[in-house]
């Protein structure tokens, strides 16, 4: 019986060892991309929140008048 037809065990082991590494790299990449998307969404939400707070502060300023200083400012 000739063993030349069978792949070498070393190349099989290399392929088996690379598979989990490739899988882990894919998982890590997906997690990183997920966190990047989450960060972008949080930044957009923060921007919308500050925009709405600024609108509210403007409305309060118009309602109370320009010389009213009763502590209603929302600015930081």
N, C-alpha and C. Protein backbone atom coordinates (compact mmCIF):
# COMPACT_ATOMS: atom_id res chain seq x y z
N UNK A 1 0.84 -1.18 0.00
CA UNK A 1 0.00 0.00 0.00
C UNK A 1 0.89 1.24 0.00
N UNK A 2 0.57 2.18 -0.86
CA UNK A 2 1.37 3.39 -0.98
C UNK A 2 0.72 4.51 -0.16
N UNK A 3 1.55 5.23 0.58
CA UNK A 3 1.04 6.35 1.39
C UNK A 3 1.14 7.69 0.66
N UNK A 4 1.56 7.68 -0.58
CA UNK A 4 1.70 8.92 -1.33
C UNK A 4 0.35 9.54 -1.66
N UNK A 5 -0.69 8.75 -1.66
CA UNK A 5 -2.01 9.27 -1.99
C UNK A 5 -2.62 10.06 -0.83
N UNK A 6 -2.19 9.82 0.35
CA UNK A 6 -2.77 10.47 1.52
C UNK A 6 -2.04 11.78 1.81
N UNK A 7 -2.78 12.80 2.21
CA UNK A 7 -2.10 14.05 2.56
C UNK A 7 -1.24 13.85 3.79
N UNK A 8 -0.22 14.64 3.86
CA UNK A 8 0.67 14.51 5.01
C UNK A 8 -0.04 14.97 6.28
N UNK A 9 0.17 14.28 7.38
CA UNK A 9 -0.49 14.68 8.63
C UNK A 9 -0.09 16.08 9.08
N UNK A 10 1.10 16.52 8.72
CA UNK A 10 1.56 17.85 9.13
C UNK A 10 0.69 18.94 8.48
N UNK A 11 0.39 18.80 7.20
CA UNK A 11 -0.44 19.80 6.53
C UNK A 11 -1.86 19.76 7.07
N UNK A 12 -2.34 18.57 7.43
CA UNK A 12 -3.67 18.48 8.04
C UNK A 12 -3.70 19.19 9.39
N UNK A 13 -2.68 18.98 10.17
CA UNK A 13 -2.61 19.63 11.48
C UNK A 13 -2.52 21.14 11.34
N UNK A 14 -1.77 21.60 10.36
CA UNK A 14 -1.67 23.05 10.12
C UNK A 14 -3.04 23.63 9.77
N UNK A 15 -3.77 22.93 8.91
CA UNK A 15 -5.10 23.41 8.52
C UNK A 15 -6.04 23.41 9.72
N UNK A 16 -5.96 22.38 10.53
CA UNK A 16 -6.82 22.29 11.72
C UNK A 16 -6.48 23.40 12.71
N UNK A 17 -5.19 23.70 12.86
CA UNK A 17 -4.77 24.75 13.78
C UNK A 17 -5.16 26.14 13.28
N UNK A 18 -5.15 26.34 11.97
CA UNK A 18 -5.51 27.64 11.41
C UNK A 18 -7.00 27.91 11.50
N UNK A 19 -7.82 26.87 11.45
CA UNK A 19 -9.28 27.07 11.45
C UNK A 19 -9.78 27.83 12.68
N UNK A 20 -9.43 27.42 13.90
CA UNK A 20 -9.90 28.20 15.07
C UNK A 20 -9.37 29.63 15.07
N UNK A 21 -8.13 29.82 14.61
CA UNK A 21 -7.57 31.18 14.57
C UNK A 21 -8.36 32.04 13.60
N UNK A 22 -8.68 31.52 12.44
CA UNK A 22 -9.47 32.28 11.47
C UNK A 22 -10.86 32.56 12.03
N UNK A 23 -11.44 31.58 12.68
CA UNK A 23 -12.77 31.76 13.26
C UNK A 23 -12.72 32.82 14.36
N UNK A 24 -11.72 32.75 15.22
CA UNK A 24 -11.58 33.74 16.28
C UNK A 24 -11.37 35.14 15.71
N UNK A 25 -10.57 35.24 14.65
CA UNK A 25 -10.35 36.54 14.01
C UNK A 25 -11.65 37.09 13.46
N UNK A 26 -12.48 36.23 12.87
CA UNK A 26 -13.77 36.67 12.34
C UNK A 26 -14.69 37.13 13.46
N UNK A 27 -14.69 36.41 14.57
CA UNK A 27 -15.53 36.77 15.71
C UNK A 27 -15.07 38.10 16.30
N UNK A 28 -13.77 38.24 16.49
CA UNK A 28 -13.23 39.48 17.04
C UNK A 28 -13.54 40.64 16.12
N UNK A 29 -13.38 40.44 14.82
CA UNK A 29 -13.70 41.50 13.86
C UNK A 29 -15.15 41.91 13.93
N UNK A 30 -16.04 40.93 14.05
CA UNK A 30 -17.47 41.24 14.14
C UNK A 30 -17.78 42.02 15.42
N UNK A 31 -17.15 41.65 16.52
CA UNK A 31 -17.38 42.35 17.79
C UNK A 31 -16.87 43.79 17.70
N UNK A 32 -15.69 43.96 17.10
CA UNK A 32 -15.13 45.31 16.96
C UNK A 32 -16.04 46.18 16.10
N UNK A 33 -16.51 45.63 14.98
CA UNK A 33 -17.42 46.40 14.10
C UNK A 33 -18.71 46.73 14.83
N UNK A 34 -19.21 45.81 15.65
CA UNK A 34 -20.41 46.07 16.43
C UNK A 34 -20.21 47.22 17.41
N UNK A 35 -19.07 47.24 18.08
CA UNK A 35 -18.79 48.34 19.01
C UNK A 35 -18.61 49.66 18.28
N UNK A 36 -18.01 49.61 17.09
CA UNK A 36 -17.86 50.85 16.31
C UNK A 36 -19.23 51.40 15.92
N UNK A 37 -20.14 50.52 15.49
CA UNK A 37 -21.49 50.98 15.13
C UNK A 37 -22.22 51.51 16.36
N UNK A 38 -22.05 50.85 17.50
CA UNK A 38 -22.66 51.33 18.74
C UNK A 38 -22.14 52.71 19.11
N UNK A 39 -20.84 52.91 18.97
CA UNK A 39 -20.25 54.22 19.28
C UNK A 39 -20.81 55.30 18.36
N UNK A 40 -20.96 54.98 17.07
CA UNK A 40 -21.53 55.95 16.13
C UNK A 40 -22.96 56.30 16.50
N UNK A 41 -23.73 55.30 16.89
CA UNK A 41 -25.12 55.55 17.28
C UNK A 41 -25.20 56.38 18.55
N UNK A 42 -24.32 56.10 19.50
CA UNK A 42 -24.31 56.88 20.74
C UNK A 42 -23.91 58.33 20.46
N UNK A 43 -22.94 58.53 19.57
CA UNK A 43 -22.54 59.90 19.21
C UNK A 43 -23.70 60.64 18.56
N UNK A 44 -24.42 59.97 17.66
CA UNK A 44 -25.55 60.60 16.98
C UNK A 44 -26.66 60.91 17.98
N UNK A 45 -26.90 60.01 18.91
CA UNK A 45 -27.93 60.23 19.93
C UNK A 45 -27.55 61.40 20.82
N UNK A 46 -26.29 61.47 21.20
CA UNK A 46 -25.82 62.58 22.04
C UNK A 46 -25.99 63.91 21.32
N UNK A 47 -25.67 63.92 20.03
CA UNK A 47 -25.80 65.16 19.25
C UNK A 47 -27.27 65.59 19.18
N UNK A 48 -28.18 64.62 18.95
CA UNK A 48 -29.61 64.96 18.90
C UNK A 48 -30.10 65.44 20.25
N UNK A 49 -29.63 64.84 21.33
CA UNK A 49 -30.04 65.24 22.67
C UNK A 49 -29.60 66.68 22.97
N UNK A 50 -28.35 67.00 22.67
CA UNK A 50 -27.88 68.36 22.92
C UNK A 50 -28.59 69.37 22.03
N UNK A 51 -28.92 68.98 20.82
CA UNK A 51 -29.65 69.86 19.92
C UNK A 51 -31.04 70.16 20.49
N UNK A 52 -31.69 69.13 20.97
CA UNK A 52 -33.02 69.33 21.55
C UNK A 52 -32.96 70.14 22.84
N UNK A 53 -31.94 69.92 23.66
CA UNK A 53 -31.78 70.73 24.86
C UNK A 53 -31.54 72.19 24.52
N UNK A 54 -30.78 72.45 23.46
CA UNK A 54 -30.54 73.83 23.03
C UNK A 54 -31.84 74.47 22.57
N UNK A 55 -32.67 73.71 21.85
CA UNK A 55 -33.97 74.24 21.42
C UNK A 55 -34.84 74.56 22.63
N UNK A 56 -34.83 73.69 23.61
CA UNK A 56 -35.62 73.92 24.83
C UNK A 56 -35.12 75.16 25.56
N UNK A 57 -33.80 75.30 25.65
CA UNK A 57 -33.23 76.48 26.32
C UNK A 57 -33.62 77.76 25.58
N UNK A 58 -33.62 77.71 24.24
CA UNK A 58 -34.04 78.88 23.45
C UNK A 58 -35.50 79.22 23.70
N UNK A 59 -36.33 78.19 23.77
CA UNK A 59 -37.76 78.45 24.04
C UNK A 59 -37.96 79.06 25.42
N UNK A 60 -37.22 78.55 26.40
CA UNK A 60 -37.33 79.11 27.75
C UNK A 60 -36.83 80.54 27.78
N UNK A 61 -35.78 80.83 27.04
CA UNK A 61 -35.24 82.19 27.01
C UNK A 61 -36.25 83.15 26.38
N UNK A 62 -36.92 82.70 25.34
CA UNK A 62 -37.93 83.55 24.70
C UNK A 62 -39.13 83.77 25.62
N UNK A 63 -39.50 82.73 26.34
CA UNK A 63 -40.65 82.82 27.24
C UNK A 63 -40.37 83.75 28.41
N UNK A 64 -39.18 83.65 28.99
CA UNK A 64 -38.83 84.41 30.18
C UNK A 64 -38.29 85.79 29.86
N UNK A 65 -37.90 86.02 28.64
CA UNK A 65 -37.36 87.33 28.28
C UNK A 65 -35.85 87.34 28.39
N UNK A 66 -35.20 88.28 27.74
CA UNK A 66 -33.73 88.29 27.70
C UNK A 66 -33.09 88.69 29.01
N UNK A 67 -33.80 89.41 29.89
CA UNK A 67 -33.18 89.89 31.13
C UNK A 67 -33.54 89.07 32.35
N UNK A 68 -34.26 88.01 32.15
CA UNK A 68 -34.67 87.16 33.27
C UNK A 68 -33.54 86.19 33.56
N UNK A 69 -33.08 86.19 34.81
CA UNK A 69 -32.04 85.26 35.23
C UNK A 69 -32.52 84.55 36.47
N UNK A 70 -33.37 83.57 36.26
CA UNK A 70 -33.94 82.84 37.39
C UNK A 70 -33.40 81.42 37.49
N UNK A 71 -32.22 81.16 36.86
CA UNK A 71 -31.60 79.85 36.99
C UNK A 71 -32.18 78.79 36.07
N UNK A 72 -32.83 79.19 34.99
CA UNK A 72 -33.41 78.20 34.09
C UNK A 72 -32.48 77.80 32.97
N UNK A 73 -31.27 78.31 32.95
CA UNK A 73 -30.34 77.98 31.88
C UNK A 73 -29.92 76.53 31.99
N UNK A 74 -29.91 75.84 30.86
CA UNK A 74 -29.51 74.43 30.82
C UNK A 74 -28.08 74.25 30.33
N UNK A 75 -27.41 75.35 30.04
CA UNK A 75 -26.06 75.23 29.50
C UNK A 75 -25.10 74.75 30.58
N UNK A 76 -24.08 74.05 30.13
CA UNK A 76 -23.11 73.48 31.05
C UNK A 76 -21.96 74.43 31.27
